Amino acid sequence: MITVNGEKLDFTGTVAELLDVLEYNGKRVAVELNENIVPKADYGSTEVSDGDKLEIVRFVGGG
């Protein structure tokens, strides 16, 4: 069980897979894993483990 933006989620896999499951794939996002920013280049190789806490922020343009 992990926590994403304050909500519990049963998930095992990489940050990239999580973003795909949550339908953030292809969008401008920043990911914090256990209070550390995950570089975009590392999304595919960074494993999410039981007990991890993630914050995902999506950038929205406008004016």
PDB file of N, CA and C in Angstrom:
ATOM      1  N   MET A   1       0.849  -1.176   0.000  1.00  0.00           N
ATOM      2  CA  MET A   1       0.000   0.000   0.000  1.00  0.00           C
ATOM      3  C   MET A   1       0.898   1.243   0.000  1.00  0.00           C
ATOM      4  N   ILE A   2       0.624   2.164  -0.923  1.00  0.00           N
ATOM      5  CA  ILE A   2       1.362   3.417  -0.992  1.00  0.00           C
ATOM      6  C   ILE A   2       0.380   4.566  -0.766  1.00  0.00           C
ATOM      7  N   THR A   3       0.905   5.762  -0.583  1.00  0.00           N
ATOM      8  CA  THR A   3       0.069   6.952  -0.450  1.00  0.00           C
ATOM      9  C   THR A   3       0.419   7.905  -1.579  1.00  0.00           C
ATOM     10  N   VAL A   4      -0.584   8.288  -2.356  1.00  0.00           N
ATOM     11  CA  VAL A   4      -0.401   9.218  -3.471  1.00  0.00           C
ATOM     12  C   VAL A   4      -1.292  10.432  -3.231  1.00  0.00           C
ATOM     13  N   ASN A   5      -0.661  11.583  -3.077  1.00  0.00           N
ATOM     14  CA  ASN A   5      -1.402  12.823  -2.820  1.00  0.00           C
ATOM     15  C   ASN A   5      -2.396  12.660  -1.671  1.00  0.00           C
ATOM     16  N   GLY A   6      -1.946  11.963  -0.626  1.00  0.00           N
ATOM     17  CA  GLY A   6      -2.754  11.792   0.582  1.00  0.00           C
ATOM     18  C   GLY A   6      -3.749  10.654   0.559  1.00  0.00           C
ATOM     19  N   GLU A   7      -3.843   9.927  -0.554  1.00  0.00           N
ATOM     20  CA  GLU A   7      -4.791   8.820  -0.654  1.00  0.00           C
ATOM     21  C   GLU A   7      -4.067   7.483  -0.788  1.00  0.00           C
ATOM     22  N   LYS A   8      -4.573   6.472  -0.091  1.00  0.00           N
ATOM     23  CA  LYS A   8      -3.981   5.133  -0.124  1.00  0.00           C
ATOM     24  C   LYS A   8      -4.280   4.452  -1.454  1.00  0.00           C
ATOM     25  N   LEU A   9      -3.281   3.711  -1.944  1.00  0.00           N
ATOM     26  CA  LEU A   9      -3.428   3.007  -3.212  1.00  0.00           C
ATOM     27  C   LEU A   9      -2.622   1.725  -3.148  1.00  0.00           C
ATOM     28  N   ASP A  10      -3.214   0.626  -3.606  1.00  0.00           N
ATOM     29  CA  ASP A  10      -2.509  -0.650  -3.676  1.00  0.00           C
ATOM     30  C   ASP A  10      -1.803  -0.703  -5.027  1.00  0.00           C
ATOM     31  N   PHE A  11      -0.464  -0.570  -5.018  1.00  0.00           N
ATOM     32  CA  PHE A  11       0.290  -0.507  -6.265  1.00  0.00           C
ATOM     33  C   PHE A  11       1.696  -1.029  -6.057  1.00  0.00           C
ATOM     34  N   THR A  12       2.210  -1.722  -7.072  1.00  0.00           N
ATOM     35  CA  THR A  12       3.601  -2.154  -7.121  1.00  0.00           C
ATOM     36  C   THR A  12       4.089  -1.911  -8.545  1.00  0.00           C
ATOM     37  N   GLY A  13       5.245  -1.261  -8.684  1.00  0.00           N
ATOM     38  CA  GLY A  13       5.800  -0.994 -10.001  1.00  0.00           C
ATOM     39  C   GLY A  13       6.686   0.233  -9.963  1.00  0.00           C
ATOM     40  N   THR A  14       6.890   0.834 -11.130  1.00  0.00           N
ATOM     41  CA  THR A  14       7.753   2.006 -11.235  1.00  0.00           C
ATOM     42  C   THR A  14       6.915   3.290 -11.214  1.00  0.00           C
ATOM     43  N   VAL A  15       7.603   4.398 -11.055  1.00  0.00           N
ATOM     44  CA  VAL A  15       6.928   5.698 -11.099  1.00  0.00           C
ATOM     45  C   VAL A  15       6.248   5.875 -12.455  1.00  0.00           C
ATOM     46  N   ALA A  16       6.924   5.504 -13.550  1.00  0.00           N
ATOM     47  CA  ALA A  16       6.331   5.622 -14.886  1.00  0.00           C
ATOM     48  C   ALA A  16       5.043   4.807 -14.996  1.00  0.00           C
ATOM     49  N   GLU A  17       5.042   3.595 -14.459  1.00  0.00           N
ATOM     50  CA  GLU A  17       3.844   2.750 -14.502  1.00  0.00           C
ATOM     51  C   GLU A  17       2.725   3.355 -13.669  1.00  0.00           C
ATOM     52  N   LEU A  18       3.076   3.929 -12.529  1.00  0.00           N
ATOM     53  CA  LEU A  18       2.077   4.570 -11.674  1.00  0.00           C
ATOM     54  C   LEU A  18       1.445   5.754 -12.403  1.00  0.00           C
ATOM     55  N   LEU A  19       2.266   6.564 -13.048  1.00  0.00           N
ATOM     56  CA  LEU A  19       1.732   7.706 -13.792  1.00  0.00           C
ATOM     57  C   LEU A  19       0.796   7.250 -14.889  1.00  0.00           C
ATOM     58  N   ASP A  20       1.112   6.131 -15.531  1.00  0.00           N
ATOM     59  CA  ASP A  20       0.250   5.575 -16.570  1.00  0.00           C
ATOM     60  C   ASP A  20      -1.085   5.120 -15.980  1.00  0.00           C
ATOM     61  N   VAL A  21      -1.029   4.399 -14.863  1.00  0.00           N
ATOM     62  CA  VAL A  21      -2.245   3.913 -14.194  1.00  0.00           C
ATOM     63  C   VAL A  21      -3.135   5.080 -13.776  1.00  0.00           C
ATOM     64  N   LEU A  22      -2.516   6.155 -13.295  1.00  0.00           N
ATOM     65  CA  LEU A  22      -3.266   7.318 -12.827  1.00  0.00           C
ATOM     66  C   LEU A  22      -3.607   8.288 -13.957  1.00  0.00           C
ATOM     67  N   GLU A  23      -3.277   7.902 -15.197  1.00  0.00           N
ATOM     68  CA  GLU A  23      -3.561   8.669 -16.402  1.00  0.00           C
ATOM     69  C   GLU A  23      -2.868  10.032 -16.424  1.00  0.00           C
ATOM     70  N   TYR A  24      -1.657  10.088 -15.879  1.00  0.00           N
ATOM     71  CA  TYR A  24      -0.814  11.267 -15.962  1.00  0.00           C
ATOM     72  C   TYR A  24       0.170  11.123 -17.123  1.00  0.00           C
ATOM     73  N   ASN A  25       0.157   9.994 -17.802  1.00  0.00           N
ATOM     74  CA  ASN A  25       1.114   9.716 -18.862  1.00  0.00           C
ATOM     75  C   ASN A  25       1.058  10.794 -19.943  1.00  0.00           C
ATOM     76  N   GLY A  26       2.224  11.347 -20.286  1.00  0.00           N
ATOM     77  CA  GLY A  26       2.306  12.350 -21.331  1.00  0.00           C
ATOM     78  C   GLY A  26       2.029  13.766 -20.866  1.00  0.00           C
ATOM     79  N   LYS A  27       1.697  13.950 -19.608  1.00  0.00           N
ATOM     80  CA  LYS A  27       1.415  15.272 -19.090  1.00  0.00           C
ATOM     81  C   LYS A  27       2.616  15.795 -18.315  1.00  0.00           C
ATOM     82  N   ARG A  28       2.696  17.084 -18.188  1.00  0.00           N
ATOM     83  CA  ARG A  28       3.779  17.703 -17.421  1.00  0.00           C
ATOM     84  C   ARG A  28       3.517  17.516 -15.938  1.00  0.00           C
ATOM     85  N   VAL A  29       4.366  16.731 -15.307  1.00  0.00           N
ATOM     86  CA  VAL A  29       4.207  16.458 -13.881  1.00  0.00           C
ATOM     87  C   VAL A  29       5.557  16.522 -13.180  1.00  0.00           C
ATOM     88  N   ALA A  30       5.490  16.719 -11.880  1.00  0.00           N
ATOM     89  CA  ALA A  30       6.650  16.586 -11.004  1.00  0.00           C
ATOM     90  C   ALA A  30       6.263  15.545  -9.958  1.00  0.00           C
ATOM     91  N   VAL A  31       7.206  14.664  -9.644  1.00  0.00           N
ATOM     92  CA  VAL A  31       6.936  13.590  -8.695  1.00  0.00           C
ATOM     93  C   VAL A  31       7.911  13.679  -7.532  1.00  0.00           C
ATOM     94  N   GLU A  32       7.347  13.658  -6.323  1.00  0.00           N
ATOM     95  CA  GLU A  32       8.148  13.620  -5.104  1.00  0.00           C
ATOM     96  C   GLU A  32       7.902  12.260  -4.455  1.00  0.00           C
ATOM     97  N   LEU A  33       8.965  11.539  -4.187  1.00  0.00           N
ATOM     98  CA  LEU A  33       8.886  10.214  -3.569  1.00  0.00           C
ATOM     99  C   LEU A  33       9.599  10.275  -2.235  1.00  0.00           C
ATOM    100  N   ASN A  34       8.842  10.111  -1.164  1.00  0.00           N
ATOM    101  CA  ASN A  34       9.406  10.172   0.201  1.00  0.00           C
ATOM    102  C   ASN A  34      10.233  11.445   0.402  1.00  0.00           C
ATOM    103  N   GLU A  35       9.636  12.569  -0.017  1.00  0.00           N
ATOM    104  CA  GLU A  35      10.199  13.909   0.160  1.00  0.00           C
ATOM    105  C   GLU A  35      11.428  14.198  -0.702  1.00  0.00           C
ATOM    106  N   ASN A  36      11.654  13.401  -1.750  1.00  0.00           N
ATOM    107  CA  ASN A  36      12.751  13.625  -2.693  1.00  0.00           C
ATOM    108  C   ASN A  36      12.182  13.703  -4.099  1.00  0.00           C
ATOM    109  N   ILE A  37      12.583  14.733  -4.848  1.00  0.00           N
ATOM    110  CA  ILE A  37      12.130  14.877  -6.227  1.00  0.00           C
ATOM    111  C   ILE A  37      12.749  13.760  -7.079  1.00  0.00           C
ATOM    112  N   VAL A  38      11.924  13.118  -7.894  1.00  0.00           N
ATOM    113  CA  VAL A  38      12.402  12.075  -8.800  1.00  0.00           C
ATOM    114  C   VAL A  38      12.647  12.723 -10.167  1.00  0.00           C
ATOM    115  N   PRO A  39      13.882  12.682 -10.677  1.00  0.00           N
ATOM    116  CA  PRO A  39      14.140  13.230 -12.015  1.00  0.00           C
ATOM    117  C   PRO A  39      13.324  12.479 -13.071  1.00  0.00           C
ATOM    118  N   LYS A  40      12.805  13.220 -14.039  1.00  0.00           N
ATOM    119  CA  LYS A  40      11.971  12.614 -15.076  1.00  0.00           C
ATOM    120  C   LYS A  40      12.685  11.455 -15.766  1.00  0.00           C
ATOM    121  N   ALA A  41      13.990  11.569 -15.960  1.00  0.00           N
ATOM    122  CA  ALA A  41      14.766  10.505 -16.606  1.00  0.00           C
ATOM    123  C   ALA A  41      14.761   9.211 -15.801  1.00  0.00           C
ATOM    124  N   ASP A  42      14.436   9.287 -14.509  1.00  0.00           N
ATOM    125  CA  ASP A  42      14.454   8.114 -13.637  1.00  0.00           C
ATOM    126  C   ASP A  42      13.076   7.501 -13.398  1.00  0.00           C
ATOM    127  N   TYR A  43      12.018   8.054 -13.983  1.00  0.00           N
ATOM    128  CA  TYR A  43      10.670   7.538 -13.739  1.00  0.00           C
ATOM    129  C   TYR A  43      10.559   6.047 -14.061  1.00  0.00           C
ATOM    130  N   GLY A  44      11.164   5.616 -15.143  1.00  0.00           N
ATOM    131  CA  GLY A  44      11.059   4.221 -15.573  1.00  0.00           C
ATOM    132  C   GLY A  44      11.865   3.246 -14.746  1.00  0.00           C
ATOM    133  N   SER A  45      12.849   3.748 -14.007  1.00  0.00           N
ATOM    134  CA  SER A  45      13.707   2.857 -13.217  1.00  0.00           C
ATOM    135  C   SER A  45      13.512   3.003 -11.707  1.00  0.00           C
ATOM    136  N   THR A  46      12.671   3.936 -11.292  1.00  0.00           N
ATOM    137  CA  THR A  46      12.438   4.152  -9.859  1.00  0.00           C
ATOM    138  C   THR A  46      11.255   3.313  -9.403  1.00  0.00           C
ATOM    139  N   GLU A  47      11.533   2.328  -8.577  1.00  0.00           N
ATOM    140  CA  GLU A  47      10.500   1.437  -8.057  1.00  0.00           C
ATOM    141  C   GLU A  47       9.753   2.091  -6.894  1.00  0.00           C
ATOM    142  N   VAL A  48       8.455   1.861  -6.865  1.00  0.00           N
ATOM    143  CA  VAL A  48       7.612   2.310  -5.763  1.00  0.00           C
ATOM    144  C   VAL A  48       7.376   1.105  -4.866  1.00  0.00           C
ATOM    145  N   SER A  49       7.642   1.280  -3.565  1.00  0.00           N
ATOM    146  CA  SER A  49       7.550   0.162  -2.621  1.00  0.00           C
ATOM    147  C   SER A  49       6.458   0.399  -1.590  1.00  0.00           C
ATOM    148  N   ASP A  50       6.063  -0.681  -0.951  1.00  0.00           N
ATOM    149  CA  ASP A  50       5.062  -0.626   0.105  1.00  0.00           C
ATOM    150  C   ASP A  50       5.472   0.408   1.154  1.00  0.00           C
ATOM    151  N   GLY A  51       4.545   1.286   1.519  1.00  0.00           N
ATOM    152  CA  GLY A  51       4.799   2.304   2.529  1.00  0.00           C
ATOM    153  C   GLY A  51       5.309   3.625   1.973  1.00  0.00           C
ATOM    154  N   ASP A  52       5.632   3.678   0.667  1.00  0.00           N
ATOM    155  CA  ASP A  52       6.122   4.919   0.070  1.00  0.00           C
ATOM    156  C   ASP A  52       5.025   5.972   0.034  1.00  0.00           C
ATOM    157  N   LYS A  53       5.465   7.237   0.092  1.00  0.00           N
ATOM    158  CA  LYS A  53       4.551   8.372  -0.017  1.00  0.00           C
ATOM    159  C   LYS A  53       4.971   9.203  -1.218  1.00  0.00           C
ATOM    160  N   LEU A  54       4.022   9.435  -2.106  1.00  0.00           N
ATOM    161  CA  LEU A  54       4.290  10.223  -3.311  1.00  0.00           C
ATOM    162  C   LEU A  54       3.372  11.429  -3.371  1.00  0.00           C
ATOM    163  N   GLU A  55       3.918  12.503  -3.890  1.00  0.00           N
ATOM    164  CA  GLU A  55       3.136  13.681  -4.229  1.00  0.00           C
ATOM    165  C   GLU A  55       3.356  13.894  -5.718  1.00  0.00           C
ATOM    166  N   ILE A  56       2.265  14.013  -6.461  1.00  0.00           N
ATOM    167  CA  ILE A  56       2.346  14.234  -7.901  1.00  0.00           C
ATOM    168  C   ILE A  56       1.668  15.564  -8.184  1.00  0.00           C
ATOM    169  N   VAL A  57       2.402  16.451  -8.837  1.00  0.00           N
ATOM    170  CA  VAL A  57       1.885  17.765  -9.177  1.00  0.00           C
ATOM    171  C   VAL A  57       1.861  17.889 -10.689  1.00  0.00           C
ATOM    172  N   ARG A  58       0.728  18.283 -11.225  1.00  0.00           N
ATOM    173  CA  ARG A  58       0.589  18.470 -12.665  1.00  0.00           C
ATOM    174  C   ARG A  58       0.630  19.967 -12.971  1.00  0.00           C
ATOM    175  N   PHE A  59       1.442  20.331 -13.939  1.00  0.00           N
ATOM    176  CA  PHE A  59       1.563  21.729 -14.344  1.00  0.00           C
ATOM    177  C   PHE A  59       0.463  22.052 -15.343  1.00  0.00           C
ATOM    178  N   VAL A  60      -0.225  23.154 -15.106  1.00  0.00           N
ATOM    179  CA  VAL A  60      -1.320  23.579 -15.959  1.00  0.00           C
ATOM    180  C   VAL A  60      -1.009  24.978 -16.466  1.00  0.00           C
ATOM    181  N   GLY A  61      -1.082  25.157 -17.775  1.00  0.00           N
ATOM    182  CA  GLY A  61      -0.853  26.477 -18.362  1.00  0.00           C
ATOM    183  C   GLY A  61      -2.142  27.257 -18.435  1.00  0.00           C
ATOM    184  N   GLY A  62      -2.017  28.502 -18.640  1.00  0.00           N
ATOM    185  CA  GLY A  62      -3.214  29.332 -18.775  1.00  0.00           C
ATOM    186  C   GLY A  62      -2.859  30.788 -18.573  1.00  0.00           C
ATOM    187  N   GLY A  63      -3.852  31.587 -18.576  1.00  0.00           N
ATOM    188  CA  GLY A  63      -3.559  33.000 -18.405  1.00  0.00           C
ATOM    189  C   GLY A  63      -4.777  33.786 -18.077  1.00  0.00           C
TER     190      GLY A  63
END
